[in-house]
Amino acid sequence: MENVIQWAKDRGVKEIATAYAAVGPVADVLSEIEVRLAEHDVRLIQLRRSYDEACWPHATRGYFKLRQHIPGILRQLRVRAQVA
């Protein structure tokens, strides 16, 4: 973690962007490093894709719970089905 802070300071970095991690060890590290970077006036931005935003609220109990929401999610994302 100190390496990231020093790297940002050496280069005058004010923002670092990374993919969003919802849970798990990566989320824990990102949460910790976000606080530490803020102490040095560096902002950590976690990016989420539009389909993650659309799916995650429905993915609370596995795929089968999510499956029933797929048609609405596809409409929300403006994804049209392709007929083979």
PDB file of N, CA and C in Angstrom:
ATOM      1  N   MET A   1       0.815  -1.186   0.000  1.00  0.00           N
ATOM      2  CA  MET A   1       0.000   0.000   0.000  1.00  0.00           C
ATOM      3  C   MET A   1       0.865   1.259   0.000  1.00  0.00           C
ATOM      4  N   GLU A   2       1.912   1.241   0.751  1.00  0.00           N
ATOM      5  CA  GLU A   2       2.822   2.396   0.778  1.00  0.00           C
ATOM      6  C   GLU A   2       3.403   2.656  -0.604  1.00  0.00           C
ATOM      7  N   ASN A   3       3.599   1.580  -1.386  1.00  0.00           N
ATOM      8  CA  ASN A   3       4.125   1.741  -2.740  1.00  0.00           C
ATOM      9  C   ASN A   3       3.172   2.551  -3.612  1.00  0.00           C
ATOM     10  N   VAL A   4       1.885   2.307  -3.473  1.00  0.00           N
ATOM     11  CA  VAL A   4       0.891   3.031  -4.262  1.00  0.00           C
ATOM     12  C   VAL A   4       0.872   4.498  -3.861  1.00  0.00           C
ATOM     13  N   ILE A   5       0.906   4.753  -2.575  1.00  0.00           N
ATOM     14  CA  ILE A   5       0.900   6.129  -2.091  1.00  0.00           C
ATOM     15  C   ILE A   5       2.132   6.872  -2.582  1.00  0.00           C
ATOM     16  N   GLN A   6       3.287   6.248  -2.458  1.00  0.00           N
ATOM     17  CA  GLN A   6       4.525   6.889  -2.903  1.00  0.00           C
ATOM     18  C   GLN A   6       4.518   7.101  -4.415  1.00  0.00           C
ATOM     19  N   TRP A   7       4.034   6.120  -5.151  1.00  0.00           N
ATOM     20  CA  TRP A   7       3.935   6.227  -6.615  1.00  0.00           C
ATOM     21  C   TRP A   7       3.075   7.430  -6.995  1.00  0.00           C
ATOM     22  N   ALA A   8       1.915   7.578  -6.339  1.00  0.00           N
ATOM     23  CA  ALA A   8       1.012   8.693  -6.641  1.00  0.00           C
ATOM     24  C   ALA A   8       1.665  10.024  -6.280  1.00  0.00           C
ATOM     25  N   LYS A   9       2.307  10.090  -5.135  1.00  0.00           N
ATOM     26  CA  LYS A   9       2.950  11.338  -4.710  1.00  0.00           C
ATOM     27  C   LYS A   9       4.083  11.722  -5.658  1.00  0.00           C
ATOM     28  N   ASP A  10       4.906  10.750  -6.053  1.00  0.00           N
ATOM     29  CA  ASP A  10       6.042  11.025  -6.935  1.00  0.00           C
ATOM     30  C   ASP A  10       5.602  11.583  -8.287  1.00  0.00           C
ATOM     31  N   ARG A  11       4.417  11.216  -8.725  1.00  0.00           N
ATOM     32  CA  ARG A  11       3.938  11.620 -10.052  1.00  0.00           C
ATOM     33  C   ARG A  11       2.908  12.751  -9.997  1.00  0.00           C
ATOM     34  N   GLY A  12       2.580  13.206  -8.815  1.00  0.00           N
ATOM     35  CA  GLY A  12       1.598  14.268  -8.673  1.00  0.00           C
ATOM     36  C   GLY A  12       0.178  13.829  -9.011  1.00  0.00           C
ATOM     37  N   VAL A  13      -0.085  12.544  -8.857  1.00  0.00           N
ATOM     38  CA  VAL A  13      -1.405  11.991  -9.171  1.00  0.00           C
ATOM     39  C   VAL A  13      -2.418  12.472  -8.138  1.00  0.00           C
ATOM     40  N   LYS A  14      -3.590  12.908  -8.613  1.00  0.00           N
ATOM     41  CA  LYS A  14      -4.662  13.362  -7.726  1.00  0.00           C
ATOM     42  C   LYS A  14      -5.855  12.420  -7.724  1.00  0.00           C
ATOM     43  N   GLU A  15      -5.948  11.555  -8.736  1.00  0.00           N
ATOM     44  CA  GLU A  15      -7.033  10.578  -8.822  1.00  0.00           C
ATOM     45  C   GLU A  15      -6.497   9.271  -9.393  1.00  0.00           C
ATOM     46  N   ILE A  16      -6.984   8.180  -8.832  1.00  0.00           N
ATOM     47  CA  ILE A  16      -6.664   6.848  -9.344  1.00  0.00           C
ATOM     48  C   ILE A  16      -7.987   6.145  -9.595  1.00  0.00           C
ATOM     49  N   ALA A  17      -8.172   5.608 -10.794  1.00  0.00           N
ATOM     50  CA  ALA A  17      -9.395   4.891 -11.150  1.00  0.00           C
ATOM     51  C   ALA A  17      -9.111   3.403 -11.182  1.00  0.00           C
ATOM     52  N   THR A  18     -10.070   2.635 -10.681  1.00  0.00           N
ATOM     53  CA  THR A  18      -9.962   1.179 -10.676  1.00  0.00           C
ATOM     54  C   THR A  18     -11.359   0.590 -10.846  1.00  0.00           C
ATOM     55  N   ALA A  19     -11.401  -0.668 -11.189  1.00  0.00           N
ATOM     56  CA  ALA A  19     -12.689  -1.347 -11.279  1.00  0.00           C
ATOM     57  C   ALA A  19     -13.285  -1.477  -9.882  1.00  0.00           C
ATOM     58  N   TYR A  20     -14.595  -1.473  -9.804  1.00  0.00           N
ATOM     59  CA  TYR A  20     -15.305  -1.602  -8.534  1.00  0.00           C
ATOM     60  C   TYR A  20     -15.290  -3.057  -8.082  1.00  0.00           C
ATOM     61  N   ALA A  21     -15.024  -3.253  -6.818  1.00  0.00           N
ATOM     62  CA  ALA A  21     -15.101  -4.588  -6.209  1.00  0.00           C
ATOM     63  C   ALA A  21     -16.168  -4.530  -5.131  1.00  0.00           C
ATOM     64  N   ALA A  22     -17.211  -5.299  -5.295  1.00  0.00           N
ATOM     65  CA  ALA A  22     -18.346  -5.242  -4.364  1.00  0.00           C
ATOM     66  C   ALA A  22     -18.017  -5.852  -3.007  1.00  0.00           C
ATOM     67  N   VAL A  23     -17.422  -7.028  -3.015  1.00  0.00           N
ATOM     68  CA  VAL A  23     -17.127  -7.748  -1.778  1.00  0.00           C
ATOM     69  C   VAL A  23     -15.816  -8.505  -1.932  1.00  0.00           C
ATOM     70  N   GLY A  24     -15.319  -9.003  -0.821  1.00  0.00           N
ATOM     71  CA  GLY A  24     -14.143  -9.866  -0.856  1.00  0.00           C
ATOM     72  C   GLY A  24     -12.866  -9.151  -0.506  1.00  0.00           C
ATOM     73  N   PRO A  25     -11.745  -9.865  -0.636  1.00  0.00           N
ATOM     74  CA  PRO A  25     -10.455  -9.315  -0.225  1.00  0.00           C
ATOM     75  C   PRO A  25     -10.043  -8.085  -1.027  1.00  0.00           C
ATOM     76  N   VAL A  26     -10.371  -8.040  -2.299  1.00  0.00           N
ATOM     77  CA  VAL A  26     -10.022  -6.870  -3.105  1.00  0.00           C
ATOM     78  C   VAL A  26     -10.812  -5.654  -2.629  1.00  0.00           C
ATOM     79  N   ALA A  27     -12.095  -5.840  -2.342  1.00  0.00           N
ATOM     80  CA  ALA A  27     -12.918  -4.739  -1.824  1.00  0.00           C
ATOM     81  C   ALA A  27     -12.360  -4.233  -0.495  1.00  0.00           C
ATOM     82  N   ASP A  28     -11.909  -5.142   0.343  1.00  0.00           N
ATOM     83  CA  ASP A  28     -11.333  -4.752   1.632  1.00  0.00           C
ATOM     84  C   ASP A  28     -10.082  -3.900   1.441  1.00  0.00           C
ATOM     85  N   VAL A  29      -9.208  -4.324   0.540  1.00  0.00           N
ATOM     86  CA  VAL A  29      -7.966  -3.586   0.283  1.00  0.00           C
ATOM     87  C   VAL A  29      -8.278  -2.222  -0.317  1.00  0.00           C
ATOM     88  N   LEU A  30      -9.207  -2.186  -1.287  1.00  0.00           N
ATOM     89  CA  LEU A  30      -9.558  -0.907  -1.908  1.00  0.00           C
ATOM     90  C   LEU A  30     -10.150   0.059  -0.892  1.00  0.00           C
ATOM     91  N   SER A  31     -10.949  -0.442   0.016  1.00  0.00           N
ATOM     92  CA  SER A  31     -11.532   0.402   1.054  1.00  0.00           C
ATOM     93  C   SER A  31     -10.437   1.004   1.939  1.00  0.00           C
ATOM     94  N   GLU A  32      -9.502   0.176   2.309  1.00  0.00           N
ATOM     95  CA  GLU A  32      -8.397   0.631   3.155  1.00  0.00           C
ATOM     96  C   GLU A  32      -7.502   1.627   2.425  1.00  0.00           C
ATOM     97  N   ILE A  33      -7.191   1.302   1.188  1.00  0.00           N
ATOM     98  CA  ILE A  33      -6.289   2.172   0.438  1.00  0.00           C
ATOM     99  C   ILE A  33      -6.958   3.507   0.089  1.00  0.00           C
ATOM    100  N   GLU A  34      -8.284   3.484  -0.073  1.00  0.00           N
ATOM    101  CA  GLU A  34      -9.013   4.723  -0.347  1.00  0.00           C
ATOM    102  C   GLU A  34      -8.826   5.727   0.795  1.00  0.00           C
ATOM    103  N   VAL A  35      -8.921   5.227   2.017  1.00  0.00           N
ATOM    104  CA  VAL A  35      -8.739   6.076   3.192  1.00  0.00           C
ATOM    105  C   VAL A  35      -7.312   6.611   3.248  1.00  0.00           C
ATOM    106  N   ARG A  36      -6.364   5.736   3.021  1.00  0.00           N
ATOM    107  CA  ARG A  36      -4.944   6.134   3.091  1.00  0.00           C
ATOM    108  C   ARG A  36      -4.589   7.131   1.995  1.00  0.00           C
ATOM    109  N   LEU A  37      -5.107   6.922   0.789  1.00  0.00           N
ATOM    110  CA  LEU A  37      -4.841   7.859  -0.299  1.00  0.00           C
ATOM    111  C   LEU A  37      -5.450   9.225  -0.003  1.00  0.00           C
ATOM    112  N   ALA A  38      -6.646   9.233   0.575  1.00  0.00           N
ATOM    113  CA  ALA A  38      -7.311  10.496   0.894  1.00  0.00           C
ATOM    114  C   ALA A  38      -6.473  11.333   1.869  1.00  0.00           C
ATOM    115  N   GLU A  39      -5.724  10.668   2.738  1.00  0.00           N
ATOM    116  CA  GLU A  39      -4.836  11.377   3.663  1.00  0.00           C
ATOM    117  C   GLU A  39      -3.768  12.159   2.919  1.00  0.00           C
ATOM    118  N   HIS A  40      -3.516  11.776   1.667  1.00  0.00           N
ATOM    119  CA  HIS A  40      -2.509  12.430   0.834  1.00  0.00           C
ATOM    120  C   HIS A  40      -3.158  13.190  -0.322  1.00  0.00           C
ATOM    121  N   ASP A  41      -4.438  13.490  -0.164  1.00  0.00           N
ATOM    122  CA  ASP A  41      -5.201  14.250  -1.172  1.00  0.00           C
ATOM    123  C   ASP A  41      -5.258  13.557  -2.535  1.00  0.00           C
ATOM    124  N   VAL A  42      -5.307  12.239  -2.506  1.00  0.00           N
ATOM    125  CA  VAL A  42      -5.470  11.445  -3.731  1.00  0.00           C
ATOM    126  C   VAL A  42      -6.820  10.744  -3.626  1.00  0.00           C
ATOM    127  N   ARG A  43      -7.612  10.896  -4.665  1.00  0.00           N
ATOM    128  CA  ARG A  43      -8.964  10.319  -4.684  1.00  0.00           C
ATOM    129  C   ARG A  43      -8.952   8.982  -5.427  1.00  0.00           C
ATOM    130  N   LEU A  44      -9.546   7.962  -4.823  1.00  0.00           N
ATOM    131  CA  LEU A  44      -9.704   6.661  -5.473  1.00  0.00           C
ATOM    132  C   LEU A  44     -11.119   6.594  -6.044  1.00  0.00           C
ATOM    133  N   ILE A  45     -11.211   6.347  -7.332  1.00  0.00           N
ATOM    134  CA  ILE A  45     -12.502   6.255  -8.006  1.00  0.00           C
ATOM    135  C   ILE A  45     -12.703   4.815  -8.432  1.00  0.00           C
ATOM    136  N   GLN A  46     -13.802   4.206  -7.968  1.00  0.00           N
ATOM    137  CA  GLN A  46     -14.122   2.836  -8.360  1.00  0.00           C
ATOM    138  C   GLN A  46     -15.219   2.887  -9.418  1.00  0.00           C
ATOM    139  N   LEU A  47     -14.920   2.378 -10.586  1.00  0.00           N
ATOM    140  CA  LEU A  47     -15.836   2.431 -11.720  1.00  0.00           C
ATOM    141  C   LEU A  47     -16.698   1.180 -11.788  1.00  0.00           C
ATOM    142  N   ARG A  48     -17.982   1.389 -12.057  1.00  0.00           N
ATOM    143  CA  ARG A  48     -18.908   0.268 -12.256  1.00  0.00           C
ATOM    144  C   ARG A  48     -19.501   0.365 -13.648  1.00  0.00           C
ATOM    145  N   ARG A  49     -19.580  -0.777 -14.298  1.00  0.00           N
ATOM    146  CA  ARG A  49     -20.166  -0.828 -15.635  1.00  0.00           C
ATOM    147  C   ARG A  49     -21.686  -0.738 -15.534  1.00  0.00           C
ATOM    148  N   SER A  50     -22.314  -0.259 -16.597  1.00  0.00           N
ATOM    149  CA  SER A  50     -23.762  -0.077 -16.571  1.00  0.00           C
ATOM    150  C   SER A  50     -24.489  -1.404 -16.334  1.00  0.00           C
ATOM    151  N   TYR A  51     -23.971  -2.505 -16.892  1.00  0.00           N
ATOM    152  CA  TYR A  51     -24.672  -3.771 -16.675  1.00  0.00           C
ATOM    153  C   TYR A  51     -24.490  -4.285 -15.255  1.00  0.00           C
ATOM    154  N   ASP A  52     -23.387  -3.936 -14.598  1.00  0.00           N
ATOM    155  CA  ASP A  52     -23.240  -4.274 -13.182  1.00  0.00           C
ATOM    156  C   ASP A  52     -24.274  -3.500 -12.365  1.00  0.00           C
ATOM    157  N   GLU A  53     -24.416  -2.220 -12.654  1.00  0.00           N
ATOM    158  CA  GLU A  53     -25.396  -1.385 -11.952  1.00  0.00           C
ATOM    159  C   GLU A  53     -26.804  -1.947 -12.109  1.00  0.00           C
ATOM    160  N   ALA A  54     -27.119  -2.427 -13.307  1.00  0.00           N
ATOM    161  CA  ALA A  54     -28.453  -2.940 -13.583  1.00  0.00           C
ATOM    162  C   ALA A  54     -28.692  -4.309 -12.939  1.00  0.00           C
ATOM    163  N   CYS A  55     -27.671  -5.152 -12.878  1.00  0.00           N
ATOM    164  CA  CYS A  55     -27.842  -6.531 -12.404  1.00  0.00           C
ATOM    165  C   CYS A  55     -27.696  -6.690 -10.895  1.00  0.00           C
ATOM    166  N   TRP A  56     -26.749  -6.015 -10.290  1.00  0.00           N
ATOM    167  CA  TRP A  56     -26.426  -6.275  -8.893  1.00  0.00           C
ATOM    168  C   TRP A  56     -27.596  -6.141  -7.925  1.00  0.00           C
ATOM    169  N   PRO A  57     -28.498  -5.176  -8.105  1.00  0.00           N
ATOM    170  CA  PRO A  57     -29.614  -5.117  -7.147  1.00  0.00           C
ATOM    171  C   PRO A  57     -30.478  -6.388  -7.150  1.00  0.00           C
ATOM    172  N   HIS A  58     -30.442  -7.136  -8.244  1.00  0.00           N
ATOM    173  CA  HIS A  58     -31.263  -8.340  -8.363  1.00  0.00           C
ATOM    174  C   HIS A  58     -30.482  -9.627  -8.071  1.00  0.00           C
ATOM    175  N   ALA A  59     -29.188  -9.521  -7.895  1.00  0.00           N
ATOM    176  CA  ALA A  59     -28.336 -10.704  -7.731  1.00  0.00           C
ATOM    177  C   ALA A  59     -28.050 -10.973  -6.256  1.00  0.00           C
ATOM    178  N   THR A  60     -29.100 -11.019  -5.463  1.00  0.00           N
ATOM    179  CA  THR A  60     -28.915 -11.202  -4.023  1.00  0.00           C
ATOM    180  C   THR A  60     -28.989 -12.658  -3.587  1.00  0.00           C
ATOM    181  N   ARG A  61     -29.567 -13.506  -4.431  1.00  0.00           N
ATOM    182  CA  ARG A  61     -29.734 -14.912  -4.039  1.00  0.00           C
ATOM    183  C   ARG A  61     -29.400 -15.868  -5.170  1.00  0.00           C
ATOM    184  N   GLY A  62     -28.381 -15.526  -5.939  1.00  0.00           N
ATOM    185  CA  GLY A  62     -27.948 -16.424  -6.992  1.00  0.00           C
ATOM    186  C   GLY A  62     -28.615 -16.163  -8.333  1.00  0.00           C
ATOM    187  N   TYR A  63     -28.206 -16.950  -9.311  1.00  0.00           N
ATOM    188  CA  TYR A  63     -28.635 -16.741 -10.694  1.00  0.00           C
ATOM    189  C   TYR A  63     -30.137 -16.889 -10.871  1.00  0.00           C
ATOM    190  N   PHE A  64     -30.749 -17.861 -10.251  1.00  0.00           N
ATOM    191  CA  PHE A  64     -32.158 -18.137 -10.522  1.00  0.00           C
ATOM    192  C   PHE A  64     -33.056 -16.985 -10.068  1.00  0.00           C
ATOM    193  N   LYS A  65     -32.677 -16.278  -9.037  1.00  0.00           N
ATOM    194  CA  LYS A  65     -33.409 -15.083  -8.615  1.00  0.00           C
ATOM    195  C   LYS A  65     -33.184 -13.950  -9.634  1.00  0.00           C
ATOM    196  N   LEU A  66     -31.983 -13.845 -10.142  1.00  0.00           N
ATOM    197  CA  LEU A  66     -31.655 -12.820 -11.140  1.00  0.00           C
ATOM    198  C   LEU A  66     -32.339 -13.100 -12.468  1.00  0.00           C
ATOM    199  N   ARG A  67     -32.426 -14.353 -12.841  1.00  0.00           N
ATOM    200  CA  ARG A  67     -32.925 -14.752 -14.161  1.00  0.00           C
ATOM    201  C   ARG A  67     -34.269 -14.117 -14.500  1.00  0.00           C
ATOM    202  N   GLN A  68     -35.156 -14.039 -13.538  1.00  0.00           N
ATOM    203  CA  GLN A  68     -36.487 -13.491 -13.808  1.00  0.00           C
ATOM    204  C   GLN A  68     -36.441 -12.000 -14.159  1.00  0.00           C
ATOM    205  N   HIS A  69     -35.354 -11.327 -13.818  1.00  0.00           N
ATOM    206  CA  HIS A  69     -35.220  -9.896 -14.088  1.00  0.00           C
ATOM    207  C   HIS A  69     -34.480  -9.599 -15.395  1.00  0.00           C
ATOM    208  N   ILE A  70     -33.951 -10.622 -16.047  1.00  0.00           N
ATOM    209  CA  ILE A  70     -33.129 -10.400 -17.245  1.00  0.00           C
ATOM    210  C   ILE A  70     -33.871  -9.641 -18.349  1.00  0.00           C
ATOM    211  N   PRO A  71     -35.110  -9.965 -18.683  1.00  0.00           N
ATOM    212  CA  PRO A  71     -35.783  -9.183 -19.732  1.00  0.00           C
ATOM    213  C   PRO A  71     -35.843  -7.677 -19.415  1.00  0.00           C
ATOM    214  N   GLY A  72     -36.152  -7.333 -18.182  1.00  0.00           N
ATOM    215  CA  GLY A  72     -36.200  -5.926 -17.787  1.00  0.00           C
ATOM    216  C   GLY A  72     -34.830  -5.274 -17.809  1.00  0.00           C
ATOM    217  N   ILE A  73     -33.807  -6.016 -17.397  1.00  0.00           N
ATOM    218  CA  ILE A  73     -32.436  -5.501 -17.420  1.00  0.00           C
ATOM    219  C   ILE A  73     -32.011  -5.217 -18.851  1.00  0.00           C
ATOM    220  N   LEU A  74     -32.326  -6.133 -19.756  1.00  0.00           N
ATOM    221  CA  LEU A  74     -31.975  -5.929 -21.163  1.00  0.00           C
ATOM    222  C   LEU A  74     -32.681  -4.706 -21.739  1.00  0.00           C
ATOM    223  N   ARG A  75     -33.942  -4.508 -21.359  1.00  0.00           N
ATOM    224  CA  ARG A  75     -34.661  -3.300 -21.802  1.00  0.00           C
ATOM    225  C   ARG A  75     -33.999  -2.051 -21.241  1.00  0.00           C
ATOM    226  N   GLN A  76     -33.655  -2.114 -19.967  1.00  0.00           N
ATOM    227  CA  GLN A  76     -33.006  -0.971 -19.310  1.00  0.00           C
ATOM    228  C   GLN A  76     -31.695  -0.613 -20.009  1.00  0.00           C
ATOM    229  N   LEU A  77     -30.942  -1.632 -20.404  1.00  0.00           N
ATOM    230  CA  LEU A  77     -29.652  -1.415 -21.064  1.00  0.00           C
ATOM    231  C   LEU A  77     -29.793  -1.197 -22.571  1.00  0.00           C
ATOM    232  N   ARG A  78     -31.043  -1.287 -23.036  1.00  0.00           N
ATOM    233  CA  ARG A  78     -31.341  -1.124 -24.466  1.00  0.00           C
ATOM    234  C   ARG A  78     -30.604  -2.148 -25.315  1.00  0.00           C
ATOM    235  N   VAL A  79     -30.615  -3.382 -24.849  1.00  0.00           N
ATOM    236  CA  VAL A  79     -29.999  -4.497 -25.570  1.00  0.00           C
ATOM    237  C   VAL A  79     -31.109  -5.236 -26.289  1.00  0.00           C
ATOM    238  N   ARG A  80     -30.950  -5.410 -27.566  1.00  0.00           N
ATOM    239  CA  ARG A  80     -31.958  -6.131 -28.361  1.00  0.00           C
ATOM    240  C   ARG A  80     -31.481  -7.551 -28.592  1.00  0.00           C
ATOM    241  N   ALA A  81     -32.420  -8.474 -28.530  1.00  0.00           N
ATOM    242  CA  ALA A  81     -32.089  -9.890 -28.757  1.00  0.00           C
ATOM    243  C   ALA A  81     -31.764 -10.096 -30.227  1.00  0.00           C
ATOM    244  N   GLN A  82     -30.818 -10.948 -30.478  1.00  0.00           N
ATOM    245  CA  GLN A  82     -30.418 -11.310 -31.845  1.00  0.00           C
ATOM    246  C   GLN A  82     -31.015 -12.665 -32.154  1.00  0.00           C
ATOM    247  N   VAL A  83     -31.705 -12.765 -33.249  1.00  0.00           N
ATOM    248  CA  VAL A  83     -32.279 -14.037 -33.667  1.00  0.00           C
ATOM    249  C   VAL A  83     -31.304 -14.710 -34.619  1.00  0.00           C
ATOM    250  N   ALA A  84     -30.956 -15.953 -34.302  1.00  0.00           N
ATOM    251  CA  ALA A  84     -29.959 -16.676 -35.107  1.00  0.00           C
ATOM    252  C   ALA A  84     -30.568 -17.179 -36.407  1.00  0.00           C
TER     253      ALA A  84
END
